[in-house]
All heavy atoms as atom14 arrays in JSON, in Angstrom:
{
  "sequence": "PVLERADAMLCPTCAKPAPLHRGLTSYTADDMPGGVTMTCPFNLFG",
  "atom14_mask": [
    [1, 1, 1, 1, 1, 1, 1, 0, 0, 0, 0, 0, 0, 0],
    [1, 1, 1, 1, 1, 1, 1, 0, 0, 0, 0, 0, 0, 0],
    [1, 1, 1, 1, 1, 1, 1, 1, 0, 0, 0, 0, 0, 0],
    [1, 1, 1, 1, 1, 1, 1, 1, 1, 0, 0, 0, 0, 0],
    [1, 1, 1, 1, 1, 1, 1, 1, 1, 1, 1, 0, 0, 0],
    [1, 1, 1, 1, 1, 0, 0, 0, 0, 0, 0, 0, 0, 0],
    [1, 1, 1, 1, 1, 1, 1, 1, 0, 0, 0, 0, 0, 0],
    [1, 1, 1, 1, 1, 0, 0, 0, 0, 0, 0, 0, 0, 0],
    [1, 1, 1, 1, 1, 1, 1, 1, 0, 0, 0, 0, 0, 0],
    [1, 1, 1, 1, 1, 1, 1, 1, 0, 0, 0, 0, 0, 0],
    [1, 1, 1, 1, 1, 1, 0, 0, 0, 0, 0, 0, 0, 0],
    [1, 1, 1, 1, 1, 1, 1, 0, 0, 0, 0, 0, 0, 0],
    [1, 1, 1, 1, 1, 1, 1, 0, 0, 0, 0, 0, 0, 0],
    [1, 1, 1, 1, 1, 1, 0, 0, 0, 0, 0, 0, 0, 0],
    [1, 1, 1, 1, 1, 0, 0, 0, 0, 0, 0, 0, 0, 0],
    [1, 1, 1, 1, 1, 1, 1, 1, 1, 0, 0, 0, 0, 0],
    [1, 1, 1, 1, 1, 1, 1, 0, 0, 0, 0, 0, 0, 0],
    [1, 1, 1, 1, 1, 0, 0, 0, 0, 0, 0, 0, 0, 0],
    [1, 1, 1, 1, 1, 1, 1, 0, 0, 0, 0, 0, 0, 0],
    [1, 1, 1, 1, 1, 1, 1, 1, 0, 0, 0, 0, 0, 0],
    [1, 1, 1, 1, 1, 1, 1, 1, 1, 1, 0, 0, 0, 0],
    [1, 1, 1, 1, 1, 1, 1, 1, 1, 1, 1, 0, 0, 0],
    [1, 1, 1, 1, 0, 0, 0, 0, 0, 0, 0, 0, 0, 0],
    [1, 1, 1, 1, 1, 1, 1, 1, 0, 0, 0, 0, 0, 0],
    [1, 1, 1, 1, 1, 1, 1, 0, 0, 0, 0, 0, 0, 0],
    [1, 1, 1, 1, 1, 1, 0, 0, 0, 0, 0, 0, 0, 0],
    [1, 1, 1, 1, 1, 1, 1, 1, 1, 1, 1, 1, 0, 0],
    [1, 1, 1, 1, 1, 1, 1, 0, 0, 0, 0, 0, 0, 0],
    [1, 1, 1, 1, 1, 0, 0, 0, 0, 0, 0, 0, 0, 0],
    [1, 1, 1, 1, 1, 1, 1, 1, 0, 0, 0, 0, 0, 0],
    [1, 1, 1, 1, 1, 1, 1, 1, 0, 0, 0, 0, 0, 0],
    [1, 1, 1, 1, 1, 1, 1, 1, 0, 0, 0, 0, 0, 0],
    [1, 1, 1, 1, 1, 1, 1, 0, 0, 0, 0, 0, 0, 0],
    [1, 1, 1, 1, 0, 0, 0, 0, 0, 0, 0, 0, 0, 0],
    [1, 1, 1, 1, 0, 0, 0, 0, 0, 0, 0, 0, 0, 0],
    [1, 1, 1, 1, 1, 1, 1, 0, 0, 0, 0, 0, 0, 0],
    [1, 1, 1, 1, 1, 1, 1, 0, 0, 0, 0, 0, 0, 0],
    [1, 1, 1, 1, 1, 1, 1, 1, 0, 0, 0, 0, 0, 0],
    [1, 1, 1, 1, 1, 1, 1, 0, 0, 0, 0, 0, 0, 0],
    [1, 1, 1, 1, 1, 1, 0, 0, 0, 0, 0, 0, 0, 0],
    [1, 1, 1, 1, 1, 1, 1, 0, 0, 0, 0, 0, 0, 0],
    [1, 1, 1, 1, 1, 1, 1, 1, 1, 1, 1, 0, 0, 0],
    [1, 1, 1, 1, 1, 1, 1, 1, 0, 0, 0, 0, 0, 0],
    [1, 1, 1, 1, 1, 1, 1, 1, 0, 0, 0, 0, 0, 0],
    [1, 1, 1, 1, 1, 1, 1, 1, 1, 1, 1, 0, 0, 0],
    [1, 1, 1, 1, 0, 0, 0, 0, 0, 0, 0, 0, 0, 0]
  ],
  "atom14_positions": [
    [[12.79, 3.02, 16.53], [13.2, 1.89, 17.33], [13.12, 0.5, 16.66], [13.92, -0.39, 16.94], [12.2, 1.91, 18.51], [11.72, 3.33, 18.56], [11.63, 3.74, 17.1], [0.0, 0.0, 0.0], [0.0, 0.0, 0.0], [0.0, 0.0, 0.0], [0.0, 0.0, 0.0], [0.0, 0.0, 0.0], [0.0, 0.0, 0.0], [0.0, 0.0, 0.0]],
    [[12.18, 0.38, 15.7], [12.1, -0.9, 14.95], [13.35, -1.05, 14.11], [13.92, -2.17, 14.13], [10.84, -0.86, 14.09], [10.78, -2.12, 13.15], [9.57, -0.82, 14.9], [0.0, 0.0, 0.0], [0.0, 0.0, 0.0], [0.0, 0.0, 0.0], [0.0, 0.0, 0.0], [0.0, 0.0, 0.0], [0.0, 0.0, 0.0], [0.0, 0.0, 0.0]],
    [[13.83, 0.01, 13.45], [14.95, -0.13, 12.63], [16.27, -0.11, 13.39], [17.34, -0.38, 12.85], [14.94, 1.02, 11.54], [13.86, 0.9, 10.55], [13.88, 2.08, 9.61], [13.88, -0.42, 9.77], [0.0, 0.0, 0.0], [0.0, 0.0, 0.0], [0.0, 0.0, 0.0], [0.0, 0.0, 0.0], [0.0, 0.0, 0.0], [0.0, 0.0, 0.0]],
    [[16.18, 0.31, 14.65], [17.38, 0.12, 15.56], [17.59, -1.34, 15.86], [18.77, -1.78, 15.99], [17.23, 0.88, 16.85], [17.31, 2.44, 16.64], [16.95, 3.2, 17.89], [16.69, 2.56, 18.98], [17.06, 4.43, 17.88], [0.0, 0.0, 0.0], [0.0, 0.0, 0.0], [0.0, 0.0, 0.0], [0.0, 0.0, 0.0], [0.0, 0.0, 0.0]],
    [[16.5, -2.07, 16.05], [16.63, -3.49, 16.39], [16.74, -4.43, 15.14], [17.33, -5.52, 15.27], [15.4, -3.96, 17.2], [15.19, -3.17, 18.54], [14.1, -3.84, 19.37], [12.86, -3.89, 18.63], [11.91, -3.0, 18.69], [12.08, -1.84, 19.37], [10.78, -3.15, 17.99], [0.0, 0.0, 0.0], [0.0, 0.0, 0.0], [0.0, 0.0, 0.0]],
    [[16.23, -3.97, 13.99], [16.16, -4.79, 12.85], [16.99, -4.18, 11.69], [17.12, -3.01, 11.66], [14.74, -5.02, 12.42], [0.0, 0.0, 0.0], [0.0, 0.0, 0.0], [0.0, 0.0, 0.0], [0.0, 0.0, 0.0], [0.0, 0.0, 0.0], [0.0, 0.0, 0.0], [0.0, 0.0, 0.0], [0.0, 0.0, 0.0], [0.0, 0.0, 0.0]],
    [[17.54, -5.03, 10.82], [18.16, -4.59, 9.69], [17.25, -3.95, 8.61], [17.66, -3.14, 7.82], [19.0, -5.71, 9.07], [20.08, -6.27, 9.95], [21.02, -5.55, 10.19], [19.88, -7.35, 10.47], [0.0, 0.0, 0.0], [0.0, 0.0, 0.0], [0.0, 0.0, 0.0], [0.0, 0.0, 0.0], [0.0, 0.0, 0.0], [0.0, 0.0, 0.0]],
    [[16.02, -4.38, 8.65], [15.02, -3.85, 7.71], [13.62, -4.28, 8.18], [13.53, -5.13, 9.04], [15.26, -4.38, 6.29], [0.0, 0.0, 0.0], [0.0, 0.0, 0.0], [0.0, 0.0, 0.0], [0.0, 0.0, 0.0], [0.0, 0.0, 0.0], [0.0, 0.0, 0.0], [0.0, 0.0, 0.0], [0.0, 0.0, 0.0], [0.0, 0.0, 0.0]],
    [[12.57, -3.65, 7.64], [11.24, -4.0, 7.94], [10.5, -4.46, 6.67], [10.72, -3.87, 5.62], [10.52, -2.81, 8.55], [9.08, -3.16, 9.05], [8.23, -1.72, 9.75], [7.88, -0.78, 8.24], [0.0, 0.0, 0.0], [0.0, 0.0, 0.0], [0.0, 0.0, 0.0], [0.0, 0.0, 0.0], [0.0, 0.0, 0.0], [0.0, 0.0, 0.0]],
    [[9.66, -5.45, 6.85], [8.85, -5.96, 5.71], [7.43, -5.54, 5.91], [6.9, -5.72, 7.05], [9.02, -7.49, 5.66], [10.41, -8.09, 5.77], [10.32, -9.58, 5.8], [11.3, -7.61, 4.65], [0.0, 0.0, 0.0], [0.0, 0.0, 0.0], [0.0, 0.0, 0.0], [0.0, 0.0, 0.0], [0.0, 0.0, 0.0], [0.0, 0.0, 0.0]],
    [[6.74, -5.15, 4.86], [5.32, -4.84, 4.95], [4.73, -4.88, 3.5], [5.49, -4.86, 2.5], [5.03, -3.52, 5.56], [5.59, -2.1, 4.57], [0.0, 0.0, 0.0], [0.0, 0.0, 0.0], [0.0, 0.0, 0.0], [0.0, 0.0, 0.0], [0.0, 0.0, 0.0], [0.0, 0.0, 0.0], [0.0, 0.0, 0.0], [0.0, 0.0, 0.0]],
    [[3.45, -4.96, 3.32], [2.91, -5.03, 1.94], [3.15, -3.71, 1.21], [3.35, -2.6, 1.76], [1.37, -5.13, 2.19], [1.26, -5.69, 3.54], [2.39, -5.13, 4.36], [0.0, 0.0, 0.0], [0.0, 0.0, 0.0], [0.0, 0.0, 0.0], [0.0, 0.0, 0.0], [0.0, 0.0, 0.0], [0.0, 0.0, 0.0], [0.0, 0.0, 0.0]],
    [[3.22, -3.84, -0.13], [3.32, -2.55, -0.97], [1.92, -1.98, -1.17], [1.76, -0.79, -0.99], [3.89, -2.99, -2.41], [5.16, -3.55, -2.19], [4.02, -1.79, -3.26], [0.0, 0.0, 0.0], [0.0, 0.0, 0.0], [0.0, 0.0, 0.0], [0.0, 0.0, 0.0], [0.0, 0.0, 0.0], [0.0, 0.0, 0.0], [0.0, 0.0, 0.0]],
    [[0.93, -2.81, -1.48], [-0.42, -2.41, -1.55], [-1.22, -3.37, -0.67], [-0.96, -4.59, -0.65], [-1.02, -2.43, -3.0], [-0.28, -1.16, -4.01], [0.0, 0.0, 0.0], [0.0, 0.0, 0.0], [0.0, 0.0, 0.0], [0.0, 0.0, 0.0], [0.0, 0.0, 0.0], [0.0, 0.0, 0.0], [0.0, 0.0, 0.0], [0.0, 0.0, 0.0]],
    [[-2.31, -2.83, -0.01], [-3.1, -3.62, 0.87], [-4.08, -4.6, 0.12], [-4.54, -5.55, 0.68], [-3.92, -2.74, 1.8], [0.0, 0.0, 0.0], [0.0, 0.0, 0.0], [0.0, 0.0, 0.0], [0.0, 0.0, 0.0], [0.0, 0.0, 0.0], [0.0, 0.0, 0.0], [0.0, 0.0, 0.0], [0.0, 0.0, 0.0], [0.0, 0.0, 0.0]],
    [[-4.3, -4.3, -1.2], [-5.18, -5.09, -1.99], [-4.45, -5.58, -3.19], [-3.44, -5.04, -3.6], [-6.41, -4.26, -2.43], [-7.05, -3.4, -1.38], [-7.66, -4.2, -0.24], [-8.16, -3.29, 0.86], [-8.51, -3.98, 2.05], [0.0, 0.0, 0.0], [0.0, 0.0, 0.0], [0.0, 0.0, 0.0], [0.0, 0.0, 0.0], [0.0, 0.0, 0.0]],
    [[-4.89, -6.69, -3.85], [-4.31, -7.18, -5.08], [-4.5, -6.14, -6.15], [-5.31, -5.16, -6.09], [-5.15, -8.43, -5.36], [-5.77, -8.84, -4.06], [-6.07, -7.58, -3.38], [0.0, 0.0, 0.0], [0.0, 0.0, 0.0], [0.0, 0.0, 0.0], [0.0, 0.0, 0.0], [0.0, 0.0, 0.0], [0.0, 0.0, 0.0], [0.0, 0.0, 0.0]],
    [[-3.72, -6.34, -7.15], [-3.83, -5.46, -8.39], [-5.28, -5.49, -8.89], [-5.88, -6.62, -8.93], [-2.83, -5.84, -9.38], [0.0, 0.0, 0.0], [0.0, 0.0, 0.0], [0.0, 0.0, 0.0], [0.0, 0.0, 0.0], [0.0, 0.0, 0.0], [0.0, 0.0, 0.0], [0.0, 0.0, 0.0], [0.0, 0.0, 0.0], [0.0, 0.0, 0.0]],
    [[-5.87, -4.43, -9.33], [-7.25, -4.36, -9.76], [-7.38, -4.92, -11.21], [-6.42, -4.88, -11.99], [-7.66, -2.97, -9.7], [-6.37, -2.21, -10.02], [-5.26, -3.11, -9.34], [0.0, 0.0, 0.0], [0.0, 0.0, 0.0], [0.0, 0.0, 0.0], [0.0, 0.0, 0.0], [0.0, 0.0, 0.0], [0.0, 0.0, 0.0], [0.0, 0.0, 0.0]],
    [[-8.52, -5.46, -11.56], [-8.8, -5.73, -12.94], [-9.16, -4.48, -13.63], [-9.66, -3.49, -13.06], [-10.1, -6.67, -12.98], [-9.92, -8.14, -12.4], [-11.23, -8.78, -12.35], [-8.86, -8.87, -13.18], [0.0, 0.0, 0.0], [0.0, 0.0, 0.0], [0.0, 0.0, 0.0], [0.0, 0.0, 0.0], [0.0, 0.0, 0.0], [0.0, 0.0, 0.0]],
    [[-8.89, -4.4, -14.88], [-9.08, -3.14, -15.69], [-10.61, -3.0, -15.9], [-11.23, -3.95, -16.35], [-8.39, -3.25, -17.0], [-8.62, -2.04, -17.84], [-8.22, -0.74, -17.48], [-9.24, -1.83, -19.04], [-8.57, 0.12, -18.4], [-9.21, -0.5, -19.37], [0.0, 0.0, 0.0], [0.0, 0.0, 0.0], [0.0, 0.0, 0.0], [0.0, 0.0, 0.0]],
    [[-11.15, -1.84, -15.57], [-12.55, -1.56, -15.81], [-12.69, -0.22, -16.52], [-13.39, 0.72, -16.0], [-13.34, -1.52, -14.51], [-13.35, -2.84, -13.69], [-14.32, -2.82, -12.54], [-14.24, -3.96, -11.73], [-13.57, -4.07, -10.61], [-12.9, -3.05, -10.19], [-13.57, -5.19, -9.88], [0.0, 0.0, 0.0], [0.0, 0.0, 0.0], [0.0, 0.0, 0.0]],
    [[-12.13, -0.13, -17.58], [-12.22, 1.17, -18.35], [-11.44, 2.2, -17.63], [-10.29, 2.07, -17.23], [0.0, 0.0, 0.0], [0.0, 0.0, 0.0], [0.0, 0.0, 0.0], [0.0, 0.0, 0.0], [0.0, 0.0, 0.0], [0.0, 0.0, 0.0], [0.0, 0.0, 0.0], [0.0, 0.0, 0.0], [0.0, 0.0, 0.0], [0.0, 0.0, 0.0]],
    [[-12.08, 3.37, -17.35], [-11.38, 4.55, -16.7], [-11.28, 4.3, -15.18], [-10.51, 4.95, -14.54], [-12.19, 5.81, -16.98], [-12.19, 6.29, -18.46], [-13.03, 7.52, -18.64], [-10.76, 6.42, -18.97], [0.0, 0.0, 0.0], [0.0, 0.0, 0.0], [0.0, 0.0, 0.0], [0.0, 0.0, 0.0], [0.0, 0.0, 0.0], [0.0, 0.0, 0.0]],
    [[-12.08, 3.47, -14.62], [-12.1, 3.21, -13.18], [-11.5, 1.84, -12.89], [-12.09, 0.81, -13.23], [-13.5, 3.32, -12.6], [-14.07, 4.59, -12.98], [-13.47, 3.18, -11.1], [0.0, 0.0, 0.0], [0.0, 0.0, 0.0], [0.0, 0.0, 0.0], [0.0, 0.0, 0.0], [0.0, 0.0, 0.0], [0.0, 0.0, 0.0], [0.0, 0.0, 0.0]],
    [[-10.34, 1.82, -12.13], [-9.73, 0.6, -11.89], [-10.2, -0.02, -10.64], [-10.19, -1.27, -10.45], [-8.19, 0.79, -11.85], [-7.69, 1.15, -13.04], [0.0, 0.0, 0.0], [0.0, 0.0, 0.0], [0.0, 0.0, 0.0], [0.0, 0.0, 0.0], [0.0, 0.0, 0.0], [0.0, 0.0, 0.0], [0.0, 0.0, 0.0], [0.0, 0.0, 0.0]],
    [[-10.6, 0.79, -9.59], [-11.1, 0.28, -8.33], [-12.49, 0.71, -8.15], [-12.94, 1.83, -8.6], [-10.24, 0.88, -7.19], [-8.9, 0.18, -6.98], [-7.75, 0.82, -7.33], [-8.82, -1.1, -6.4], [-6.51, 0.26, -7.17], [-7.55, -1.71, -6.25], [-6.4, -1.06, -6.63], [-5.22, -1.63, -6.41], [0.0, 0.0, 0.0], [0.0, 0.0, 0.0]],
    [[-13.28, -0.05, -7.48], [-14.57, 0.32, -7.03], [-14.52, 0.55, -5.47], [-13.58, 0.17, -4.86], [-15.68, -0.74, -7.3], [-15.44, -1.88, -6.5], [-15.61, -1.13, -8.81], [0.0, 0.0, 0.0], [0.0, 0.0, 0.0], [0.0, 0.0, 0.0], [0.0, 0.0, 0.0], [0.0, 0.0, 0.0], [0.0, 0.0, 0.0], [0.0, 0.0, 0.0]],
    [[-15.55, 1.15, -4.93], [-15.59, 1.36, -3.48], [-15.44, 0.06, -2.7], [-14.81, 0.01, -1.66], [-16.87, 2.08, -3.11], [0.0, 0.0, 0.0], [0.0, 0.0, 0.0], [0.0, 0.0, 0.0], [0.0, 0.0, 0.0], [0.0, 0.0, 0.0], [0.0, 0.0, 0.0], [0.0, 0.0, 0.0], [0.0, 0.0, 0.0], [0.0, 0.0, 0.0]],
    [[-16.01, -1.0, -3.3], [-15.88, -2.29, -2.56], [-14.47, -2.85, -2.55], [-14.09, -3.64, -1.73], [-16.89, -3.32, -3.23], [-18.35, -2.92, -2.96], [-18.62, -2.2, -1.97], [-19.19, -3.33, -3.77], [0.0, 0.0, 0.0], [0.0, 0.0, 0.0], [0.0, 0.0, 0.0], [0.0, 0.0, 0.0], [0.0, 0.0, 0.0], [0.0, 0.0, 0.0]],
    [[-13.7, -2.4, -3.55], [-12.34, -2.97, -3.67], [-11.41, -2.46, -2.63], [-10.42, -3.07, -2.22], [-11.74, -2.6, -5.05], [-12.3, -3.44, -6.17], [-12.67, -4.6, -5.94], [-12.4, -2.89, -7.25], [0.0, 0.0, 0.0], [0.0, 0.0, 0.0], [0.0, 0.0, 0.0], [0.0, 0.0, 0.0], [0.0, 0.0, 0.0], [0.0, 0.0, 0.0]],
    [[-11.67, -1.25, -2.08], [-10.62, -0.55, -1.37], [-11.12, 0.03, -0.01], [-10.9, 1.16, 0.28], [-10.04, 0.54, -2.19], [-10.97, 1.36, -3.05], [-10.15, 2.4, -4.23], [-10.26, 3.95, -3.33], [0.0, 0.0, 0.0], [0.0, 0.0, 0.0], [0.0, 0.0, 0.0], [0.0, 0.0, 0.0], [0.0, 0.0, 0.0], [0.0, 0.0, 0.0]],
    [[-11.84, -0.79, 0.77], [-12.11, -0.27, 2.12], [-10.87, -0.11, 2.91], [-10.03, -1.0, 2.96], [-12.99, -1.38, 2.78], [-12.66, -2.62, 1.99], [-12.33, -2.15, 0.61], [0.0, 0.0, 0.0], [0.0, 0.0, 0.0], [0.0, 0.0, 0.0], [0.0, 0.0, 0.0], [0.0, 0.0, 0.0], [0.0, 0.0, 0.0], [0.0, 0.0, 0.0]],
    [[-10.66, 1.02, 3.54], [-9.47, 1.33, 4.28], [-8.29, 1.7, 3.42], [-7.11, 1.91, 3.84], [0.0, 0.0, 0.0], [0.0, 0.0, 0.0], [0.0, 0.0, 0.0], [0.0, 0.0, 0.0], [0.0, 0.0, 0.0], [0.0, 0.0, 0.0], [0.0, 0.0, 0.0], [0.0, 0.0, 0.0], [0.0, 0.0, 0.0], [0.0, 0.0, 0.0]],
    [[-8.48, 1.9, 2.06], [-7.38, 2.35, 1.21], [-6.56, 1.22, 0.59], [-6.77, 0.04, 0.89], [0.0, 0.0, 0.0], [0.0, 0.0, 0.0], [0.0, 0.0, 0.0], [0.0, 0.0, 0.0], [0.0, 0.0, 0.0], [0.0, 0.0, 0.0], [0.0, 0.0, 0.0], [0.0, 0.0, 0.0], [0.0, 0.0, 0.0], [0.0, 0.0, 0.0]],
    [[-5.74, 1.51, -0.29], [-4.94, 0.56, -1.08], [-3.43, 0.68, -0.84], [-2.79, -0.23, -0.35], [-5.28, 0.71, -2.58], [-4.41, -0.31, -3.37], [-6.71, 0.42, -2.85], [0.0, 0.0, 0.0], [0.0, 0.0, 0.0], [0.0, 0.0, 0.0], [0.0, 0.0, 0.0], [0.0, 0.0, 0.0], [0.0, 0.0, 0.0], [0.0, 0.0, 0.0]],
    [[-2.88, 1.85, -1.16], [-1.43, 1.95, -1.14], [-0.9, 1.97, 0.26], [-1.54, 2.5, 1.19], [-0.96, 3.24, -1.9], [0.46, 3.27, -1.82], [-1.56, 4.44, -1.21], [0.0, 0.0, 0.0], [0.0, 0.0, 0.0], [0.0, 0.0, 0.0], [0.0, 0.0, 0.0], [0.0, 0.0, 0.0], [0.0, 0.0, 0.0], [0.0, 0.0, 0.0]],
    [[0.33, 1.36, 0.48], [1.01, 1.43, 1.74], [2.4, 2.02, 1.53], [3.29, 1.87, 2.36], [1.02, 0.01, 2.35], [-0.31, -0.54, 2.74], [-0.41, -2.13, 3.35], [0.35, -2.02, 4.95], [0.0, 0.0, 0.0], [0.0, 0.0, 0.0], [0.0, 0.0, 0.0], [0.0, 0.0, 0.0], [0.0, 0.0, 0.0], [0.0, 0.0, 0.0]],
    [[2.55, 2.71, 0.41], [3.88, 3.29, 0.16], [4.06, 4.74, 0.6], [5.12, 5.22, 0.95], [4.15, 3.25, -1.39], [3.13, 3.98, -2.04], [4.13, 1.8, -1.9], [0.0, 0.0, 0.0], [0.0, 0.0, 0.0], [0.0, 0.0, 0.0], [0.0, 0.0, 0.0], [0.0, 0.0, 0.0], [0.0, 0.0, 0.0], [0.0, 0.0, 0.0]],
    [[2.93, 5.5, 0.6], [2.98, 6.93, 0.85], [3.72, 7.28, 2.19], [4.45, 8.26, 2.21], [1.6, 7.52, 0.86], [0.86, 7.52, -0.78], [0.0, 0.0, 0.0], [0.0, 0.0, 0.0], [0.0, 0.0, 0.0], [0.0, 0.0, 0.0], [0.0, 0.0, 0.0], [0.0, 0.0, 0.0], [0.0, 0.0, 0.0], [0.0, 0.0, 0.0]],
    [[3.46, 6.52, 3.3], [4.08, 6.93, 4.56], [5.62, 7.04, 4.45], [6.25, 7.9, 5.1], [3.66, 5.8, 5.56], [2.34, 5.32, 5.01], [2.51, 5.42, 3.55], [0.0, 0.0, 0.0], [0.0, 0.0, 0.0], [0.0, 0.0, 0.0], [0.0, 0.0, 0.0], [0.0, 0.0, 0.0], [0.0, 0.0, 0.0], [0.0, 0.0, 0.0]],
    [[6.21, 6.17, 3.69], [7.68, 6.14, 3.61], [8.26, 7.33, 2.78], [9.45, 7.56, 2.82], [8.13, 4.8, 3.14], [7.7, 3.62, 4.06], [6.64, 2.82, 3.62], [8.24, 3.52, 5.28], [6.19, 1.83, 4.48], [7.73, 2.53, 6.11], [6.73, 1.68, 5.75], [0.0, 0.0, 0.0], [0.0, 0.0, 0.0], [0.0, 0.0, 0.0]],
    [[7.39, 7.99, 2.05], [7.83, 9.19, 1.34], [8.14, 10.33, 2.3], [8.87, 11.26, 1.96], [6.73, 9.72, 0.36], [6.49, 8.77, -0.79], [7.37, 8.03, -1.14], [5.4, 8.89, -1.38], [0.0, 0.0, 0.0], [0.0, 0.0, 0.0], [0.0, 0.0, 0.0], [0.0, 0.0, 0.0], [0.0, 0.0, 0.0], [0.0, 0.0, 0.0]],
    [[7.62, 10.21, 3.53], [7.93, 11.2, 4.55], [9.39, 11.05, 5.1], [9.83, 11.95, 5.83], [6.89, 11.13, 5.71], [5.42, 11.44, 5.33], [4.54, 11.09, 6.46], [5.33, 12.89, 4.87], [0.0, 0.0, 0.0], [0.0, 0.0, 0.0], [0.0, 0.0, 0.0], [0.0, 0.0, 0.0], [0.0, 0.0, 0.0], [0.0, 0.0, 0.0]],
    [[9.98, 9.91, 4.91], [11.3, 9.64, 5.5], [12.25, 9.42, 4.37], [12.62, 8.26, 4.05], [11.17, 8.37, 6.43], [10.07, 8.49, 7.35], [9.06, 7.5, 7.35], [9.9, 9.56, 8.26], [8.0, 7.56, 8.19], [8.81, 9.58, 9.15], [7.83, 8.6, 9.11], [0.0, 0.0, 0.0], [0.0, 0.0, 0.0], [0.0, 0.0, 0.0]],
    [[12.69, 10.46, 3.76], [13.49, 10.35, 2.52], [14.73, 9.64, 2.55], [15.2, 9.1, 1.56], [0.0, 0.0, 0.0], [0.0, 0.0, 0.0], [0.0, 0.0, 0.0], [0.0, 0.0, 0.0], [0.0, 0.0, 0.0], [0.0, 0.0, 0.0], [0.0, 0.0, 0.0], [0.0, 0.0, 0.0], [0.0, 0.0, 0.0], [0.0, 0.0, 0.0]]
  ]
}
């Protein structure tokens, strides 16, 4: 229904800013409460 009324929808790509490089671990638990990516849901609608 959103896309029936609108030509497109805008939302963040990632919920958090890009991380600083920390060796093998880019994010810490404090960086990503509630997750980071917001792209995965749209993979369900090819």
